[in-house]
Protein backbone atom coordinates (compact mmCIF):
# COMPACT_ATOMS: atom_id res chain seq x y z
CA MET A 1 67.03 -52.14 6.23
CA THR A 2 67.19 -48.98 4.16
CA THR A 3 68.35 -48.80 0.60
CA SER A 4 70.11 -45.76 -0.79
CA ILE A 5 69.43 -44.43 -4.23
CA ALA A 6 72.52 -43.47 -6.18
CA LEU A 7 71.94 -40.24 -8.05
CA PRO A 8 73.67 -39.82 -11.41
CA ALA A 9 76.80 -37.72 -11.39
CA ARG A 10 76.40 -34.20 -12.69
CA ALA A 11 77.50 -33.94 -16.30
CA PRO A 12 80.53 -31.73 -16.99
CA LEU A 13 79.97 -28.20 -18.20
CA LEU A 14 81.52 -29.07 -21.56
CA SER A 15 82.74 -32.32 -23.06
CA ARG A 16 86.41 -32.82 -23.84
CA GLY A 17 85.76 -31.85 -27.44
CA GLY A 18 83.72 -28.88 -26.27
CA TRP A 19 86.55 -27.58 -24.10
CA ALA A 20 88.98 -28.06 -26.99
CA ALA A 21 86.72 -26.00 -29.27
CA PHE A 22 86.30 -23.36 -26.55
CA LEU A 23 90.06 -23.03 -26.00
CA LEU A 24 90.61 -22.88 -29.77
CA ALA A 25 88.10 -20.03 -30.04
CA LEU A 26 89.80 -18.25 -27.13
CA ILE A 27 93.21 -18.58 -28.82
CA VAL A 28 91.81 -17.26 -32.10
CA VAL A 29 90.25 -14.22 -30.41
CA CYS A 30 93.06 -13.36 -27.99
CA ALA A 31 96.18 -14.38 -29.94
CA LEU A 32 95.69 -15.26 -33.61
CA ALA A 33 93.48 -12.32 -34.62
CA PRO A 34 95.73 -9.67 -32.94
CA VAL A 35 98.81 -11.15 -34.60
CA LEU A 36 97.18 -11.23 -38.04
CA ASN A 37 95.99 -7.65 -37.68
CA LEU A 38 98.89 -5.96 -35.90
CA ALA A 39 101.97 -7.97 -36.87
CA VAL A 40 101.26 -9.29 -40.39
CA PRO A 41 101.92 -6.65 -43.11
CA ALA A 42 98.89 -5.19 -44.84
CA GLY A 43 99.95 -6.57 -48.22
CA SER A 44 100.06 -10.17 -46.99
CA PRO A 45 97.15 -12.53 -47.80
CA LEU A 46 97.16 -13.52 -44.11
CA HIS A 47 96.60 -9.95 -42.93
CA LEU A 48 93.35 -9.34 -41.05
CA SER A 49 92.17 -5.93 -42.16
CA ASP A 50 90.82 -3.24 -39.85
CA TYR A 51 87.51 -3.51 -41.71
CA MET A 52 87.23 -7.21 -40.87
CA VAL A 53 88.19 -6.55 -37.25
CA GLY A 54 85.36 -4.03 -36.96
CA LEU A 55 82.88 -6.27 -38.78
CA LEU A 56 83.69 -9.36 -36.70
CA GLY A 57 83.59 -7.33 -33.49
CA LYS A 58 80.15 -5.99 -34.41
CA ILE A 59 78.87 -9.48 -35.25
CA MET A 60 80.17 -10.83 -31.94
CA CYS A 61 78.08 -8.17 -30.18
CA TYR A 62 75.08 -9.39 -32.14
CA ALA A 63 75.95 -12.97 -31.18
CA ILE A 64 75.72 -12.04 -27.49
CA CYS A 65 72.19 -10.73 -28.14
CA ALA A 66 71.28 -13.95 -29.96
CA LEU A 67 72.63 -15.98 -27.05
CA ALA A 68 70.52 -13.90 -24.66
CA MET A 69 67.48 -14.50 -26.88
CA ASP A 70 68.11 -18.24 -26.78
CA LEU A 71 67.93 -18.23 -22.99
CA ILE A 72 64.54 -16.54 -22.93
CA TRP A 73 63.03 -18.03 -26.12
CA GLY A 74 64.80 -21.31 -26.75
CA TYR A 75 64.95 -22.50 -23.14
CA THR A 76 62.00 -20.69 -21.54
CA GLY A 77 59.60 -20.47 -24.47
CA ILE A 78 59.10 -16.70 -24.27
CA LEU A 79 59.50 -14.93 -27.62
CA SER A 80 60.64 -11.37 -27.07
CA LEU A 81 60.46 -8.81 -29.87
CA GLY A 82 61.92 -6.08 -27.69
CA HIS A 83 65.50 -7.14 -26.98
CA GLY A 84 66.73 -4.38 -29.28
CA LEU A 85 65.65 -1.96 -26.54
CA PHE A 86 67.99 -3.51 -23.97
CA PHE A 87 70.82 -3.56 -26.51
CA ALA A 88 70.27 0.13 -27.25
CA LEU A 89 70.03 1.09 -23.57
CA GLY A 90 73.43 -0.45 -22.87
CA GLY A 91 74.77 1.35 -25.93
CA TYR A 92 73.37 4.69 -24.81
CA MET A 93 74.93 4.32 -21.36
CA MET A 94 78.34 3.79 -22.96
CA GLY A 95 77.65 6.52 -25.53
CA MET A 96 76.97 9.06 -22.78
CA TYR A 97 80.35 8.30 -21.23
CA LEU A 98 82.11 8.57 -24.60
CA MET A 99 80.41 11.91 -25.28
CA ARG A 100 81.72 13.26 -21.95
CA GLN A 101 85.20 12.04 -22.90
CA ILE A 102 85.19 14.39 -25.90
CA GLY A 103 85.56 17.32 -23.50
CA ARG A 104 86.40 20.58 -25.25
CA ASP A 105 87.48 18.86 -28.48
CA GLY A 106 83.97 19.20 -29.88
CA SER A 107 82.88 21.67 -32.54
CA TYR A 108 81.71 24.24 -29.95
CA LYS A 109 84.71 23.86 -27.58
CA SER A 110 82.32 23.42 -24.65
CA ASP A 111 82.22 21.03 -21.70
CA LEU A 112 78.70 20.13 -22.80
CA PRO A 113 78.15 17.72 -25.72
CA ASP A 114 77.78 19.50 -29.05
CA PHE A 115 74.11 18.68 -29.47
CA MET A 116 73.31 20.27 -26.10
CA VAL A 117 75.14 23.45 -27.09
CA PHE A 118 73.27 23.50 -30.39
CA LEU A 119 69.95 23.20 -28.52
CA ASP A 120 71.04 26.01 -26.15
CA TRP A 121 71.19 23.83 -23.03
CA LYS A 122 72.99 25.48 -20.13
CA GLU A 123 73.77 22.45 -17.99
CA LEU A 124 73.71 18.69 -18.02
CA PRO A 125 70.37 17.04 -17.23
CA TRP A 126 70.17 14.89 -14.11
CA HIS A 127 70.49 11.59 -15.94
CA TRP A 128 73.95 12.63 -17.20
CA TRP A 129 75.43 13.26 -13.75
CA LEU A 130 77.33 9.94 -13.53
CA SER A 131 78.29 9.82 -17.20
CA ASP A 132 81.84 11.07 -16.60
CA SER A 133 82.70 8.01 -14.46
CA PHE A 134 83.77 4.83 -16.26
CA ILE A 135 83.01 2.66 -13.21
CA ALA A 136 79.52 4.15 -12.89
CA THR A 137 79.01 3.61 -16.62
CA LEU A 138 79.88 -0.08 -16.31
CA VAL A 139 77.30 -0.40 -13.54
CA LEU A 140 74.65 1.47 -15.52
CA VAL A 141 75.28 -0.65 -18.62
CA VAL A 142 73.81 -3.66 -16.81
CA ALA A 143 71.64 -1.87 -14.22
CA VAL A 144 69.50 0.23 -16.59
CA PRO A 145 68.48 -2.60 -18.98
CA GLY A 146 68.07 -4.90 -15.98
CA LEU A 147 65.84 -2.44 -14.12
CA VAL A 148 63.66 -1.79 -17.17
CA ALA A 149 63.34 -5.54 -17.74
CA LEU A 150 62.56 -6.12 -14.06
CA VAL A 151 59.74 -3.57 -13.94
CA PHE A 152 58.23 -4.60 -17.26
CA GLY A 153 58.64 -8.32 -16.60
CA TRP A 154 57.12 -8.11 -13.13
CA PHE A 155 53.86 -6.68 -14.43
CA ALA A 156 53.79 -8.82 -17.58
CA PHE A 157 54.56 -12.19 -15.97
CA ARG A 158 52.48 -11.44 -12.89
CA SER A 159 49.53 -10.83 -15.22
CA ARG A 160 50.33 -14.15 -16.93
CA ILE A 161 50.71 -12.55 -20.34
CA LYS A 162 52.27 -15.08 -22.67
CA GLY A 163 52.53 -16.19 -26.26
CA VAL A 164 51.91 -13.76 -29.09
CA TYR A 165 50.45 -11.18 -26.69
CA PHE A 166 53.74 -10.95 -24.81
CA SER A 167 55.66 -10.60 -28.10
CA ILE A 168 53.39 -7.76 -29.23
CA ILE A 169 53.71 -5.93 -25.91
CA THR A 170 57.52 -6.15 -25.96
CA GLN A 171 57.57 -4.71 -29.45
CA ALA A 172 55.20 -1.93 -28.39
CA LEU A 173 57.55 -1.12 -25.50
CA THR A 174 60.46 -0.88 -27.92
CA VAL A 175 58.57 1.40 -30.31
CA ALA A 176 57.53 3.67 -27.43
CA ALA A 177 61.13 3.94 -26.22
CA MET A 178 62.34 4.66 -29.76
CA LEU A 179 59.86 7.52 -30.13
CA LEU A 180 60.93 8.88 -26.73
CA PHE A 181 64.63 8.83 -27.65
CA PHE A 182 63.89 10.58 -30.95
CA ARG A 183 62.76 13.69 -29.02
CA ASN A 184 65.45 16.33 -28.55
CA GLU A 185 64.26 17.38 -25.09
CA THR A 186 65.03 13.96 -23.58
CA GLY A 187 68.77 14.66 -23.76
CA PHE A 188 69.81 11.67 -25.87
CA GLY A 189 70.80 13.42 -29.08
CA GLY A 190 67.47 13.07 -30.84
CA ASN A 191 67.48 11.61 -34.33
CA ASN A 192 71.29 11.78 -34.66
CA GLY A 193 72.06 10.12 -31.35
CA PHE A 194 75.70 10.11 -30.21
CA THR A 195 78.75 10.05 -32.49
CA ASP A 196 82.17 11.63 -33.10
CA PHE A 197 83.74 9.82 -30.13
CA LYS A 198 87.35 10.72 -29.37
CA ARG A 199 88.62 8.80 -26.35
CA ILE A 200 87.89 6.02 -23.92
CA LEU A 201 89.63 6.08 -20.54
CA GLY A 202 91.75 8.92 -21.93
CA ALA A 203 93.12 6.81 -24.81
CA PRO A 204 92.30 7.60 -28.47
CA ILE A 205 89.46 5.41 -29.67
CA ALA A 206 90.18 5.39 -33.40
CA THR A 207 93.59 3.69 -33.28
CA GLN A 208 94.32 0.21 -34.59
CA HIS A 209 95.42 -1.05 -31.17
CA MET A 210 92.24 0.22 -29.49
CA ARG A 211 90.07 -1.45 -32.14
CA MET A 212 91.86 -4.72 -31.55
CA LEU A 213 91.51 -4.36 -27.77
CA LEU A 214 87.76 -3.84 -28.14
CA PHE A 215 87.63 -6.84 -30.48
CA VAL A 216 89.36 -9.05 -27.90
CA LEU A 217 87.14 -7.81 -25.07
CA THR A 218 84.04 -8.55 -27.16
CA GLY A 219 85.26 -12.06 -27.99
CA VAL A 220 86.08 -12.81 -24.37
CA ALA A 221 82.66 -11.47 -23.29
CA LEU A 222 80.93 -13.70 -25.85
CA LEU A 223 82.81 -16.80 -24.70
CA GLY A 224 82.21 -15.91 -21.06
CA PHE A 225 78.48 -15.47 -21.62
CA PHE A 226 78.42 -18.79 -23.45
CA LEU A 227 79.87 -20.55 -20.41
CA LEU A 228 77.43 -18.72 -18.13
CA ALA A 229 74.48 -19.73 -20.31
CA ARG A 230 75.74 -23.30 -20.47
CA TRP A 231 76.00 -23.44 -16.68
CA LEU A 232 72.52 -21.98 -16.25
CA VAL A 233 70.71 -24.35 -18.61
CA ARG A 234 72.46 -27.46 -17.24
CA SER A 235 71.61 -26.64 -13.63
CA LYS A 236 68.40 -27.39 -11.77
CA TYR A 237 67.40 -23.80 -12.51
CA GLY A 238 67.75 -24.46 -16.22
CA ARG A 239 65.74 -27.65 -16.06
CA VAL A 240 62.89 -25.76 -14.41
CA LEU A 241 63.06 -23.17 -17.20
CA GLN A 242 62.75 -25.90 -19.82
CA ALA A 243 59.86 -27.43 -17.89
CA ILE A 244 58.12 -24.03 -17.93
CA ARG A 245 58.66 -23.92 -21.68
CA ASP A 246 57.19 -27.37 -22.22
CA ALA A 247 54.35 -27.41 -19.68
CA GLU A 248 54.03 -24.41 -17.36
CA THR A 249 50.80 -25.67 -15.79
CA ARG A 250 52.45 -28.93 -14.73
CA VAL A 251 55.32 -26.98 -13.22
CA MET A 252 52.82 -25.08 -11.07
CA PHE A 253 51.16 -28.35 -10.01
CA SER A 254 54.60 -29.65 -9.03
CA GLY A 255 55.00 -26.87 -6.49
CA TYR A 256 57.15 -24.42 -8.43
CA ALA A 257 56.18 -20.78 -8.94
CA PRO A 258 57.07 -19.87 -12.54
CA LEU A 259 57.19 -16.10 -11.89
CA PRO A 260 60.63 -15.93 -10.17
CA TYR A 261 62.19 -18.18 -12.81
CA LYS A 262 60.74 -16.33 -15.78
CA LEU A 263 61.48 -12.92 -14.30
CA SER A 264 65.08 -13.77 -13.37
CA ILE A 265 66.04 -15.22 -16.76
CA TRP A 266 64.31 -12.26 -18.44
CA VAL A 267 66.46 -9.82 -16.46
CA ILE A 268 69.66 -11.83 -17.07
CA SER A 269 68.91 -11.87 -20.79
CA ALA A 270 68.34 -8.09 -20.81
CA MET A 271 71.62 -7.45 -18.98
CA MET A 272 73.51 -9.55 -21.52
CA CYS A 273 72.05 -7.41 -24.32
CA GLY A 274 73.08 -4.28 -22.41
CA VAL A 275 76.69 -5.46 -22.27
CA ALA A 276 76.56 -6.25 -25.99
CA GLY A 277 75.32 -2.73 -26.73
CA ALA A 278 78.07 -1.17 -24.62
CA LEU A 279 80.73 -3.12 -26.55
CA TYR A 280 79.07 -2.30 -29.87
CA VAL A 281 79.07 1.50 -29.60
CA PRO A 282 82.83 2.23 -29.37
CA GLN A 283 83.51 -0.19 -32.24
CA VAL A 284 80.85 1.18 -34.59
CA GLY A 285 81.24 4.80 -33.48
CA ILE A 286 77.57 5.75 -33.26
CA ILE A 287 74.37 5.00 -31.35
CA ASN A 288 70.96 6.38 -32.28
CA PRO A 289 67.29 5.44 -31.78
CA GLY A 290 67.39 3.33 -34.93
CA GLU A 291 68.92 0.55 -32.83
CA MET A 292 65.54 0.35 -31.05
CA SER A 293 63.56 -0.16 -34.25
CA PRO A 294 61.22 -3.16 -34.38
CA ALA A 295 63.28 -4.58 -37.26
CA ALA A 296 66.38 -4.74 -35.03
CA SER A 297 64.57 -6.84 -32.41
CA ILE A 298 63.03 -9.09 -35.05
CA GLU A 299 66.48 -9.74 -36.53
CA ILE A 300 67.71 -11.00 -33.14
CA ALA A 301 64.94 -13.60 -33.19
CA ILE A 302 65.83 -14.53 -36.77
CA TRP A 303 69.49 -15.13 -35.86
CA THR A 304 68.37 -17.44 -33.08
CA ALA A 305 65.92 -19.34 -35.29
CA VAL A 306 68.38 -19.73 -38.17
CA GLY A 307 71.15 -21.05 -35.95
CA GLY A 308 68.91 -23.27 -33.84
CA ARG A 309 66.95 -22.58 -30.68
CA ALA A 310 67.85 -24.26 -27.38
CA THR A 311 71.37 -25.08 -28.55
CA LEU A 312 73.39 -22.04 -27.32
CA VAL A 313 75.90 -22.59 -30.14
CA GLY A 314 73.19 -22.20 -32.76
CA PRO A 315 72.31 -18.54 -32.10
CA ILE A 316 75.99 -17.61 -32.30
CA VAL A 317 76.30 -19.43 -35.62
CA GLY A 318 73.08 -17.83 -36.83
CA ALA A 319 74.31 -14.33 -35.96
CA PHE A 320 77.49 -14.88 -37.96
CA LEU A 321 75.71 -16.47 -40.93
CA VAL A 322 72.93 -13.89 -41.26
CA ASN A 323 75.08 -10.83 -40.63
CA GLY A 324 77.83 -12.14 -42.88
CA ALA A 325 75.24 -12.55 -45.64
CA LYS A 326 73.89 -9.09 -44.84
CA SER A 327 77.34 -7.49 -45.17
CA TRP A 328 77.81 -9.08 -48.59
CA LEU A 329 74.28 -8.72 -49.94
CA THR A 330 73.75 -5.10 -48.91
CA VAL A 331 76.74 -4.25 -51.10
CA ALA A 332 76.06 -6.62 -54.00
CA ALA A 333 72.27 -6.21 -54.16
CA PRO A 334 70.95 -3.95 -51.37
CA GLU A 335 67.40 -3.88 -52.74
CA PHE A 336 67.05 -7.65 -52.20
CA TRP A 337 68.30 -7.88 -48.62
CA LEU A 338 64.93 -7.59 -46.84
CA TYR A 339 63.36 -10.09 -49.25
CA PHE A 340 66.21 -12.47 -48.57
CA LEU A 341 65.86 -12.05 -44.80
CA GLY A 342 62.10 -12.67 -44.87
CA GLY A 343 62.48 -15.67 -47.17
CA LEU A 344 65.22 -17.09 -44.98
CA PHE A 345 63.05 -16.90 -41.88
CA ILE A 346 60.11 -18.56 -43.65
CA ALA A 347 62.35 -21.31 -45.05
CA VAL A 348 63.91 -22.04 -41.67
CA THR A 349 60.50 -22.11 -39.98
CA LEU A 350 59.08 -24.55 -42.54
CA PHE A 351 62.03 -26.78 -43.37
CA LEU A 352 64.61 -26.33 -40.58
CA PRO A 353 62.68 -25.95 -37.31
CA GLU A 354 65.84 -26.89 -35.37
CA GLY A 355 68.03 -24.47 -37.34
CA VAL A 356 71.38 -25.02 -38.96
CA VAL A 357 72.97 -26.57 -35.88
CA GLY A 358 70.01 -28.92 -35.46
CA LEU A 359 70.39 -30.02 -39.10
CA VAL A 360 74.11 -30.66 -38.65
CA ARG A 361 73.49 -32.70 -35.52
CA LYS A 362 70.77 -34.72 -37.26
CA LEU A 363 73.08 -35.51 -40.19
CA ALA A 364 75.85 -36.45 -37.78
CA ARG A 365 73.55 -38.88 -35.94
CA ARG A 366 72.50 -40.48 -39.23
CA ALA A 367 76.10 -40.87 -40.32
CA LYS A 368 76.97 -42.42 -36.96
CA ALA A 369 74.06 -44.84 -37.19
């Protein structure tokens, strides 16, 4: 006589309250914000200004990067200090397309971008050949960061580089790429990068309706990536990632090869940052090598730590909290911002190891008990 073992039912992707919060966020992004910006008069206290639309859109791009960092750091235990590179690569792919959209409206009235005319270039370099196609640009936005991550990750993970050594190498990769993009002969605009965008898909980029459209697309992308990340971490694949984080040697003894798991989540995380960079550039209006600076990558880790690692919601909250504070403090007291950021990271590390979301959950459990 055989006995069957009843396996537990798979938990839903989100709880009922989680779906309610998700739908509320979707309504705010797709309906409430456009109405408050486009329909409510500018003099009304309920009006959402163009400045706030741009600021919130930029922070949502950062939140996608923080969410990507949580997948690789919070759930896999791999601290990357080079995710700013993938963000910038996605931004440069979109920036190249936007520069081609300027056409003959530039200062030199040439089919070539202005910086190429200034440097006396006669034709487009080979890596600009597909930049006039929006479909090709969308592919390159995810393919270029993904390919760079795949090549780098293959050699790094295959060599079993981990811990602080991996973090240092990722930052060195970012610095090397930044120095490369600073050079004029590489064809990426040098120190100034790309700016003065005019159109996207033939439509003017500086209009109020286009800004709101980009805002909505960014919000939908953020919510979509949140669902994707939630599905990944709750699957068997996600449980293996968390096992690698907690005890990689035991995972190997259990018959799993960590390399494919670590490499795949590394590439997925890089692609998410590439999409964030592509959404960021048309909203901010500029992309330059400064986005690859070590400080930019470190800030992504800080957002994740402040919000709470391995929570998915936490990094999003952290991105909004830290960048909201940055927007206020850099105006009120710009000389204190870096001190505040460093002190915040130290305080969270010492007193809030689970971040803001972890603290809220802990207080909620105590109140319930």
